[in-house]
Amino acid sequence: MDDLRNIVDFVNGLTVAGISSSFILILIKITGISILTEFAVSVCNDMGESAIANKVDLGGKLIIVSLSIPIITSVLNGLLGLLE
């Protein structure tokens, strides 16, 4: 329970530091998707289904990229603002 509390405190510290809570939520989702995808790929490989494992891996990566678009857009807008 203490480890979970440390994680929650760390996430709360990020919101206090000025990072948008929506970005933190996206990062938590991305972390969860990557863990679940890795687990599913391992299960598929253990069953000898490497072709399915490759498709699951690709699907997980595509979901992560699609979820990260708002963060990428925000970073690029910040860089463009610095260049102007």
PDB file of N, CA and C in Angstrom:
ATOM      1  N   MET A   1       0.818  -1.183   0.000  1.00  0.00           N
ATOM      2  CA  MET A   1       0.000   0.000   0.000  1.00  0.00           C
ATOM      3  C   MET A   1       0.871   1.259   0.000  1.00  0.00           C
ATOM      4  N   ASP A   2       2.014   1.188   0.664  1.00  0.00           N
ATOM      5  CA  ASP A   2       2.900   2.350   0.701  1.00  0.00           C
ATOM      6  C   ASP A   2       3.438   2.680  -0.686  1.00  0.00           C
ATOM      7  N   ASP A   3       3.721   1.643  -1.484  1.00  0.00           N
ATOM      8  CA  ASP A   3       4.217   1.887  -2.837  1.00  0.00           C
ATOM      9  C   ASP A   3       3.162   2.586  -3.677  1.00  0.00           C
ATOM     10  N   LEU A   4       1.917   2.173  -3.545  1.00  0.00           N
ATOM     11  CA  LEU A   4       0.829   2.804  -4.274  1.00  0.00           C
ATOM     12  C   LEU A   4       0.657   4.254  -3.838  1.00  0.00           C
ATOM     13  N   ARG A   5       0.800   4.503  -2.569  1.00  0.00           N
ATOM     14  CA  ARG A   5       0.689   5.865  -2.052  1.00  0.00           C
ATOM     15  C   ARG A   5       1.812   6.749  -2.605  1.00  0.00           C
ATOM     16  N   ASN A   6       3.011   6.197  -2.725  1.00  0.00           N
ATOM     17  CA  ASN A   6       4.121   6.953  -3.311  1.00  0.00           C
ATOM     18  C   ASN A   6       3.842   7.321  -4.762  1.00  0.00           C
ATOM     19  N   ILE A   7       3.246   6.397  -5.495  1.00  0.00           N
ATOM     20  CA  ILE A   7       2.923   6.669  -6.893  1.00  0.00           C
ATOM     21  C   ILE A   7       1.868   7.771  -6.984  1.00  0.00           C
ATOM     22  N   VAL A   8       0.850   7.691  -6.163  1.00  0.00           N
ATOM     23  CA  VAL A   8      -0.200   8.717  -6.168  1.00  0.00           C
ATOM     24  C   VAL A   8       0.371  10.073  -5.773  1.00  0.00           C
ATOM     25  N   ASP A   9       1.236  10.108  -4.778  1.00  0.00           N
ATOM     26  CA  ASP A   9       1.875  11.361  -4.375  1.00  0.00           C
ATOM     27  C   ASP A   9       2.731  11.931  -5.496  1.00  0.00           C
ATOM     28  N   PHE A  10       3.424  11.056  -6.222  1.00  0.00           N
ATOM     29  CA  PHE A  10       4.242  11.514  -7.338  1.00  0.00           C
ATOM     30  C   PHE A  10       3.379  12.129  -8.434  1.00  0.00           C
ATOM     31  N   VAL A  11       2.269  11.480  -8.755  1.00  0.00           N
ATOM     32  CA  VAL A  11       1.361  12.003  -9.782  1.00  0.00           C
ATOM     33  C   VAL A  11       0.758  13.329  -9.334  1.00  0.00           C
ATOM     34  N   ASN A  12       0.392  13.432  -8.074  1.00  0.00           N
ATOM     35  CA  ASN A  12      -0.126  14.700  -7.554  1.00  0.00           C
ATOM     36  C   ASN A  12       0.936  15.788  -7.611  1.00  0.00           C
ATOM     37  N   GLY A  13       2.176  15.427  -7.390  1.00  0.00           N
ATOM     38  CA  GLY A  13       3.269  16.389  -7.489  1.00  0.00           C
ATOM     39  C   GLY A  13       3.443  16.899  -8.903  1.00  0.00           C
ATOM     40  N   LEU A  14       3.187  16.055  -9.873  1.00  0.00           N
ATOM     41  CA  LEU A  14       3.282  16.495 -11.264  1.00  0.00           C
ATOM     42  C   LEU A  14       2.210  17.522 -11.602  1.00  0.00           C
ATOM     43  N   THR A  15       1.008  17.332 -11.076  1.00  0.00           N
ATOM     44  CA  THR A  15      -0.045  18.302 -11.355  1.00  0.00           C
ATOM     45  C   THR A  15       0.256  19.637 -10.676  1.00  0.00           C
ATOM     46  N   VAL A  16       0.872  19.591  -9.519  1.00  0.00           N
ATOM     47  CA  VAL A  16       1.247  20.827  -8.832  1.00  0.00           C
ATOM     48  C   VAL A  16       2.366  21.532  -9.592  1.00  0.00           C
ATOM     49  N   ALA A  17       3.228  20.769 -10.256  1.00  0.00           N
ATOM     50  CA  ALA A  17       4.351  21.342 -10.989  1.00  0.00           C
ATOM     51  C   ALA A  17       3.923  22.019 -12.284  1.00  0.00           C
ATOM     52  N   GLY A  18       2.641  21.958 -12.627  1.00  0.00           N
ATOM     53  CA  GLY A  18       2.151  22.667 -13.804  1.00  0.00           C
ATOM     54  C   GLY A  18       1.871  21.779 -14.998  1.00  0.00           C
ATOM     55  N   ILE A  19       2.017  20.494 -14.857  1.00  0.00           N
ATOM     56  CA  ILE A  19       1.704  19.592 -15.949  1.00  0.00           C
ATOM     57  C   ILE A  19       0.207  19.309 -15.910  1.00  0.00           C
ATOM     58  N   SER A  20      -0.435  19.420 -17.064  1.00  0.00           N
ATOM     59  CA  SER A  20      -1.880  19.251 -17.147  1.00  0.00           C
ATOM     60  C   SER A  20      -2.299  17.860 -16.695  1.00  0.00           C
ATOM     61  N   SER A  21      -3.383  17.810 -15.938  1.00  0.00           N
ATOM     62  CA  SER A  21      -3.866  16.518 -15.450  1.00  0.00           C
ATOM     63  C   SER A  21      -4.352  15.637 -16.597  1.00  0.00           C
ATOM     64  N   SER A  22      -4.794  16.246 -17.695  1.00  0.00           N
ATOM     65  CA  SER A  22      -5.214  15.439 -18.845  1.00  0.00           C
ATOM     66  C   SER A  22      -4.016  14.728 -19.464  1.00  0.00           C
ATOM     67  N   PHE A  23      -2.857  15.379 -19.470  1.00  0.00           N
ATOM     68  CA  PHE A  23      -1.648  14.733 -19.978  1.00  0.00           C
ATOM     69  C   PHE A  23      -1.209  13.586 -19.072  1.00  0.00           C
ATOM     70  N   ILE A  24      -1.343  13.777 -17.778  1.00  0.00           N
ATOM     71  CA  ILE A  24      -0.984  12.720 -16.837  1.00  0.00           C
ATOM     72  C   ILE A  24      -1.914  11.527 -17.011  1.00  0.00           C
ATOM     73  N   LEU A  25      -3.201  11.800 -17.222  1.00  0.00           N
ATOM     74  CA  LEU A  25      -4.153  10.722 -17.464  1.00  0.00           C
ATOM     75  C   LEU A  25      -3.791   9.948 -18.732  1.00  0.00           C
ATOM     76  N   ILE A  26      -3.396  10.662 -19.771  1.00  0.00           N
ATOM     77  CA  ILE A  26      -2.975  10.014 -21.012  1.00  0.00           C
ATOM     78  C   ILE A  26      -1.740   9.152 -20.765  1.00  0.00           C
ATOM     79  N   LEU A  27      -0.779   9.651 -20.017  1.00  0.00           N
ATOM     80  CA  LEU A  27       0.424   8.881 -19.729  1.00  0.00           C
ATOM     81  C   LEU A  27       0.120   7.621 -18.918  1.00  0.00           C
ATOM     82  N   ILE A  28      -0.826   7.713 -17.998  1.00  0.00           N
ATOM     83  CA  ILE A  28      -1.226   6.531 -17.223  1.00  0.00           C
ATOM     84  C   ILE A  28      -1.901   5.510 -18.131  1.00  0.00           C
ATOM     85  N   LYS A  29      -2.756   5.989 -19.039  1.00  0.00           N
ATOM     86  CA  LYS A  29      -3.398   5.080 -19.992  1.00  0.00           C
ATOM     87  C   LYS A  29      -2.369   4.404 -20.886  1.00  0.00           C
ATOM     88  N   ILE A  30      -1.407   5.180 -21.370  1.00  0.00           N
ATOM     89  CA  ILE A  30      -0.365   4.623 -22.233  1.00  0.00           C
ATOM     90  C   ILE A  30       0.438   3.561 -21.485  1.00  0.00           C
ATOM     91  N   THR A  31       0.752   3.824 -20.229  1.00  0.00           N
ATOM     92  CA  THR A  31       1.481   2.842 -19.428  1.00  0.00           C
ATOM     93  C   THR A  31       0.679   1.561 -19.260  1.00  0.00           C
ATOM     94  N   GLY A  32      -0.605   1.690 -18.974  1.00  0.00           N
ATOM     95  CA  GLY A  32      -1.455   0.519 -18.830  1.00  0.00           C
ATOM     96  C   GLY A  32      -1.572  -0.275 -20.124  1.00  0.00           C
ATOM     97  N   ILE A  33      -1.723   0.423 -21.236  1.00  0.00           N
ATOM     98  CA  ILE A  33      -1.823  -0.255 -22.526  1.00  0.00           C
ATOM     99  C   ILE A  33      -0.532  -0.986 -22.855  1.00  0.00           C
ATOM    100  N   SER A  34       0.588  -0.358 -22.567  1.00  0.00           N
ATOM    101  CA  SER A  34       1.861  -1.023 -22.880  1.00  0.00           C
ATOM    102  C   SER A  34       2.068  -2.263 -22.019  1.00  0.00           C
ATOM    103  N   ILE A  35       1.662  -2.218 -20.754  1.00  0.00           N
ATOM    104  CA  ILE A  35       1.788  -3.396 -19.882  1.00  0.00           C
ATOM    105  C   ILE A  35       0.871  -4.517 -20.362  1.00  0.00           C
ATOM    106  N   LEU A  36      -0.380  -4.178 -20.673  1.00  0.00           N
ATOM    107  CA  LEU A  36      -1.319  -5.192 -21.154  1.00  0.00           C
ATOM    108  C   LEU A  36      -0.894  -5.772 -22.503  1.00  0.00           C
ATOM    109  N   THR A  37      -0.382  -4.922 -23.372  1.00  0.00           N
ATOM    110  CA  THR A  37       0.071  -5.399 -24.673  1.00  0.00           C
ATOM    111  C   THR A  37       1.249  -6.344 -24.521  1.00  0.00           C
ATOM    112  N   GLU A  38       2.191  -5.991 -23.670  1.00  0.00           N
ATOM    113  CA  GLU A  38       3.350  -6.857 -23.449  1.00  0.00           C
ATOM    114  C   GLU A  38       2.927  -8.203 -22.868  1.00  0.00           C
ATOM    115  N   PHE A  39       1.960  -8.173 -21.959  1.00  0.00           N
ATOM    116  CA  PHE A  39       1.446  -9.424 -21.383  1.00  0.00           C
ATOM    117  C   PHE A  39       0.786 -10.277 -22.458  1.00  0.00           C
ATOM    118  N   ALA A  40      -0.050  -9.651 -23.298  1.00  0.00           N
ATOM    119  CA  ALA A  40      -0.737 -10.395 -24.360  1.00  0.00           C
ATOM    120  C   ALA A  40       0.252 -10.963 -25.367  1.00  0.00           C
ATOM    121  N   VAL A  41       1.282 -10.198 -25.704  1.00  0.00           N
ATOM    122  CA  VAL A  41       2.314 -10.679 -26.630  1.00  0.00           C
ATOM    123  C   VAL A  41       3.043 -11.874 -26.023  1.00  0.00           C
ATOM    124  N   SER A  42       3.343 -11.813 -24.742  1.00  0.00           N
ATOM    125  CA  SER A  42       4.014 -12.935 -24.080  1.00  0.00           C
ATOM    126  C   SER A  42       3.153 -14.193 -24.082  1.00  0.00           C
ATOM    127  N   VAL A  43       1.866 -14.021 -23.823  1.00  0.00           N
ATOM    128  CA  VAL A  43       0.959 -15.168 -23.836  1.00  0.00           C
ATOM    129  C   VAL A  43       0.895 -15.777 -25.233  1.00  0.00           C
ATOM    130  N   CYS A  44       0.775 -14.935 -26.250  1.00  0.00           N
ATOM    131  CA  CYS A  44       0.724 -15.436 -27.625  1.00  0.00           C
ATOM    132  C   CYS A  44       2.011 -16.168 -27.989  1.00  0.00           C
ATOM    133  N   ASN A  45       3.147 -15.610 -27.602  1.00  0.00           N
ATOM    134  CA  ASN A  45       4.421 -16.276 -27.894  1.00  0.00           C
ATOM    135  C   ASN A  45       4.543 -17.601 -27.154  1.00  0.00           C
ATOM    136  N   ASP A  46       4.070 -17.649 -25.917  1.00  0.00           N
ATOM    137  CA  ASP A  46       4.109 -18.900 -25.154  1.00  0.00           C
ATOM    138  C   ASP A  46       3.244 -19.980 -25.800  1.00  0.00           C
ATOM    139  N   MET A  47       2.188 -19.564 -26.471  1.00  0.00           N
ATOM    140  CA  MET A  47       1.311 -20.515 -27.137  1.00  0.00           C
ATOM    141  C   MET A  47       1.794 -20.870 -28.540  1.00  0.00           C
ATOM    142  N   GLY A  48       2.916 -20.267 -28.952  1.00  0.00           N
ATOM    143  CA  GLY A  48       3.465 -20.555 -30.267  1.00  0.00           C
ATOM    144  C   GLY A  48       2.817 -19.769 -31.387  1.00  0.00           C
ATOM    145  N   GLU A  49       2.081 -18.737 -31.051  1.00  0.00           N
ATOM    146  CA  GLU A  49       1.392 -17.920 -32.051  1.00  0.00           C
ATOM    147  C   GLU A  49       2.136 -16.600 -32.255  1.00  0.00           C
ATOM    148  N   SER A  50       3.306 -16.679 -32.864  1.00  0.00           N
ATOM    149  CA  SER A  50       4.123 -15.481 -33.027  1.00  0.00           C
ATOM    150  C   SER A  50       3.507 -14.500 -34.015  1.00  0.00           C
ATOM    151  N   ALA A  51       2.766 -14.982 -35.009  1.00  0.00           N
ATOM    152  CA  ALA A  51       2.130 -14.072 -35.965  1.00  0.00           C
ATOM    153  C   ALA A  51       1.072 -13.223 -35.262  1.00  0.00           C
ATOM    154  N   ILE A  52       0.285 -13.844 -34.396  1.00  0.00           N
ATOM    155  CA  ILE A  52      -0.717 -13.090 -33.638  1.00  0.00           C
ATOM    156  C   ILE A  52      -0.026 -12.146 -32.664  1.00  0.00           C
ATOM    157  N   ALA A  53       1.071 -12.591 -32.066  1.00  0.00           N
ATOM    158  CA  ALA A  53       1.817 -11.740 -31.137  1.00  0.00           C
ATOM    159  C   ALA A  53       2.307 -10.480 -31.839  1.00  0.00           C
ATOM    160  N   ASN A  54       2.772 -10.628 -33.067  1.00  0.00           N
ATOM    161  CA  ASN A  54       3.230  -9.454 -33.825  1.00  0.00           C
ATOM    162  C   ASN A  54       2.086  -8.489 -34.099  1.00  0.00           C
ATOM    163  N   LYS A  55       0.914  -9.010 -34.398  1.00  0.00           N
ATOM    164  CA  LYS A  55      -0.254  -8.153 -34.661  1.00  0.00           C
ATOM    165  C   LYS A  55      -0.712  -7.449 -33.389  1.00  0.00           C
ATOM    166  N   VAL A  56      -0.692  -8.155 -32.275  1.00  0.00           N
ATOM    167  CA  VAL A  56      -1.069  -7.538 -30.998  1.00  0.00           C
ATOM    168  C   VAL A  56      -0.083  -6.424 -30.651  1.00  0.00           C
ATOM    169  N   ASP A  57       1.193  -6.676 -30.876  1.00  0.00           N
ATOM    170  CA  ASP A  57       2.224  -5.675 -30.608  1.00  0.00           C
ATOM    171  C   ASP A  57       2.011  -4.440 -31.475  1.00  0.00           C
ATOM    172  N   LEU A  58       1.749  -4.641 -32.754  1.00  0.00           N
ATOM    173  CA  LEU A  58       1.502  -3.525 -33.663  1.00  0.00           C
ATOM    174  C   LEU A  58       0.255  -2.755 -33.248  1.00  0.00           C
ATOM    175  N   GLY A  59      -0.811  -3.484 -32.878  1.00  0.00           N
ATOM    176  CA  GLY A  59      -2.035  -2.824 -32.427  1.00  0.00           C
ATOM    177  C   GLY A  59      -1.810  -1.980 -31.193  1.00  0.00           C
ATOM    178  N   GLY A  60      -1.046  -2.493 -30.243  1.00  0.00           N
ATOM    179  CA  GLY A  60      -0.736  -1.723 -29.042  1.00  0.00           C
ATOM    180  C   GLY A  60       0.041  -0.458 -29.357  1.00  0.00           C
ATOM    181  N   LYS A  61       0.987  -0.579 -30.268  1.00  0.00           N
ATOM    182  CA  LYS A  61       1.772   0.604 -30.660  1.00  0.00           C
ATOM    183  C   LYS A  61       0.909   1.643 -31.350  1.00  0.00           C
ATOM    184  N   LEU A  62      -0.004   1.200 -32.203  1.00  0.00           N
ATOM    185  CA  LEU A  62      -0.896   2.139 -32.883  1.00  0.00           C
ATOM    186  C   LEU A  62      -1.820   2.851 -31.895  1.00  0.00           C
ATOM    187  N   ILE A  63      -2.317   2.123 -30.911  1.00  0.00           N
ATOM    188  CA  ILE A  63      -3.167   2.745 -29.891  1.00  0.00           C
ATOM    189  C   ILE A  63      -2.374   3.773 -29.091  1.00  0.00           C
ATOM    190  N   ILE A  64      -1.143   3.438 -28.756  1.00  0.00           N
ATOM    191  CA  ILE A  64      -0.307   4.369 -27.989  1.00  0.00           C
ATOM    192  C   ILE A  64      -0.026   5.634 -28.791  1.00  0.00           C
ATOM    193  N   VAL A  65       0.278   5.475 -30.077  1.00  0.00           N
ATOM    194  CA  VAL A  65       0.530   6.653 -30.918  1.00  0.00           C
ATOM    195  C   VAL A  65      -0.722   7.517 -31.015  1.00  0.00           C
ATOM    196  N   SER A  66      -1.885   6.876 -31.192  1.00  0.00           N
ATOM    197  CA  SER A  66      -3.114   7.664 -31.308  1.00  0.00           C
ATOM    198  C   SER A  66      -3.444   8.388 -30.004  1.00  0.00           C
ATOM    199  N   LEU A  67      -3.149   7.772 -28.869  1.00  0.00           N
ATOM    200  CA  LEU A  67      -3.387   8.441 -27.591  1.00  0.00           C
ATOM    201  C   LEU A  67      -2.409   9.586 -27.340  1.00  0.00           C
ATOM    202  N   SER A  68      -1.222   9.492 -27.895  1.00  0.00           N
ATOM    203  CA  SER A  68      -0.199  10.502 -27.623  1.00  0.00           C
ATOM    204  C   SER A  68      -0.291  11.719 -28.540  1.00  0.00           C
ATOM    205  N   ILE A  69      -1.220  11.730 -29.483  1.00  0.00           N
ATOM    206  CA  ILE A  69      -1.332  12.858 -30.406  1.00  0.00           C
ATOM    207  C   ILE A  69      -1.556  14.192 -29.682  1.00  0.00           C
ATOM    208  N   PRO A  70      -2.424  14.282 -28.668  1.00  0.00           N
ATOM    209  CA  PRO A  70      -2.565  15.575 -27.980  1.00  0.00           C
ATOM    210  C   PRO A  70      -1.267  16.059 -27.326  1.00  0.00           C
ATOM    211  N   ILE A  71      -0.488  15.148 -26.787  1.00  0.00           N
ATOM    212  CA  ILE A  71       0.782  15.538 -26.167  1.00  0.00           C
ATOM    213  C   ILE A  71       1.755  16.009 -27.227  1.00  0.00           C
ATOM    214  N   ILE A  72       1.840  15.282 -28.330  1.00  0.00           N
ATOM    215  CA  ILE A  72       2.737  15.667 -29.423  1.00  0.00           C
ATOM    216  C   ILE A  72       2.334  17.033 -29.975  1.00  0.00           C
ATOM    217  N   THR A  73       1.031  17.258 -30.157  1.00  0.00           N
ATOM    218  CA  THR A  73       0.537  18.543 -30.656  1.00  0.00           C
ATOM    219  C   THR A  73       0.910  19.677 -29.709  1.00  0.00           C
ATOM    220  N   SER A  74       0.754  19.447 -28.418  1.00  0.00           N
ATOM    221  CA  SER A  74       1.090  20.472 -27.438  1.00  0.00           C
ATOM    222  C   SER A  74       2.579  20.805 -27.458  1.00  0.00           C
ATOM    223  N   VAL A  75       3.417  19.780 -27.561  1.00  0.00           N
ATOM    224  CA  VAL A  75       4.866  20.007 -27.612  1.00  0.00           C
ATOM    225  C   VAL A  75       5.239  20.773 -28.871  1.00  0.00           C
ATOM    226  N   LEU A  76       4.670  20.389 -30.003  1.00  0.00           N
ATOM    227  CA  LEU A  76       4.985  21.092 -31.252  1.00  0.00           C
ATOM    228  C   LEU A  76       4.496  22.529 -31.229  1.00  0.00           C
ATOM    229  N   ASN A  77       3.321  22.765 -30.656  1.00  0.00           N
ATOM    230  CA  ASN A  77       2.832  24.148 -30.528  1.00  0.00           C
ATOM    231  C   ASN A  77       3.742  24.976 -29.620  1.00  0.00           C
ATOM    232  N   GLY A  78       4.241  24.367 -28.558  1.00  0.00           N
ATOM    233  CA  GLY A  78       5.188  25.071 -27.693  1.00  0.00           C
ATOM    234  C   GLY A  78       6.485  25.408 -28.409  1.00  0.00           C
ATOM    235  N   LEU A  79       6.984  24.466 -29.210  1.00  0.00           N
ATOM    236  CA  LEU A  79       8.193  24.748 -29.986  1.00  0.00           C
ATOM    237  C   LEU A  79       7.976  25.828 -31.019  1.00  0.00           C
ATOM    238  N   LEU A  80       6.823  25.777 -31.684  1.00  0.00           N
ATOM    239  CA  LEU A  80       6.517  26.832 -32.664  1.00  0.00           C
ATOM    240  C   LEU A  80       6.392  28.179 -31.995  1.00  0.00           C
ATOM    241  N   GLY A  81       5.833  28.217 -30.789  1.00  0.00           N
ATOM    242  CA  GLY A  81       5.737  29.462 -30.040  1.00  0.00           C
ATOM    243  C   GLY A  81       7.104  30.027 -29.692  1.00  0.00           C
ATOM    244  N   LEU A  82       8.071  29.152 -29.439  1.00  0.00           N
ATOM    245  CA  LEU A  82       9.427  29.611 -29.139  1.00  0.00           C
ATOM    246  C   LEU A  82      10.122  30.160 -30.381  1.00  0.00           C
ATOM    247  N   LEU A  83       9.788  29.619 -31.531  1.00  0.00           N
ATOM    248  CA  LEU A  83      10.434  30.045 -32.777  1.00  0.00           C
ATOM    249  C   LEU A  83       9.889  31.361 -33.298  1.00  0.00           C
ATOM    250  N   GLU A  84       8.702  31.734 -32.865  1.00  0.00           N
ATOM    251  CA  GLU A  84       8.103  32.997 -33.349  1.00  0.00           C
ATOM    252  C   GLU A  84       8.633  34.186 -32.645  1.00  0.00           C
TER     253      GLU A  84
END
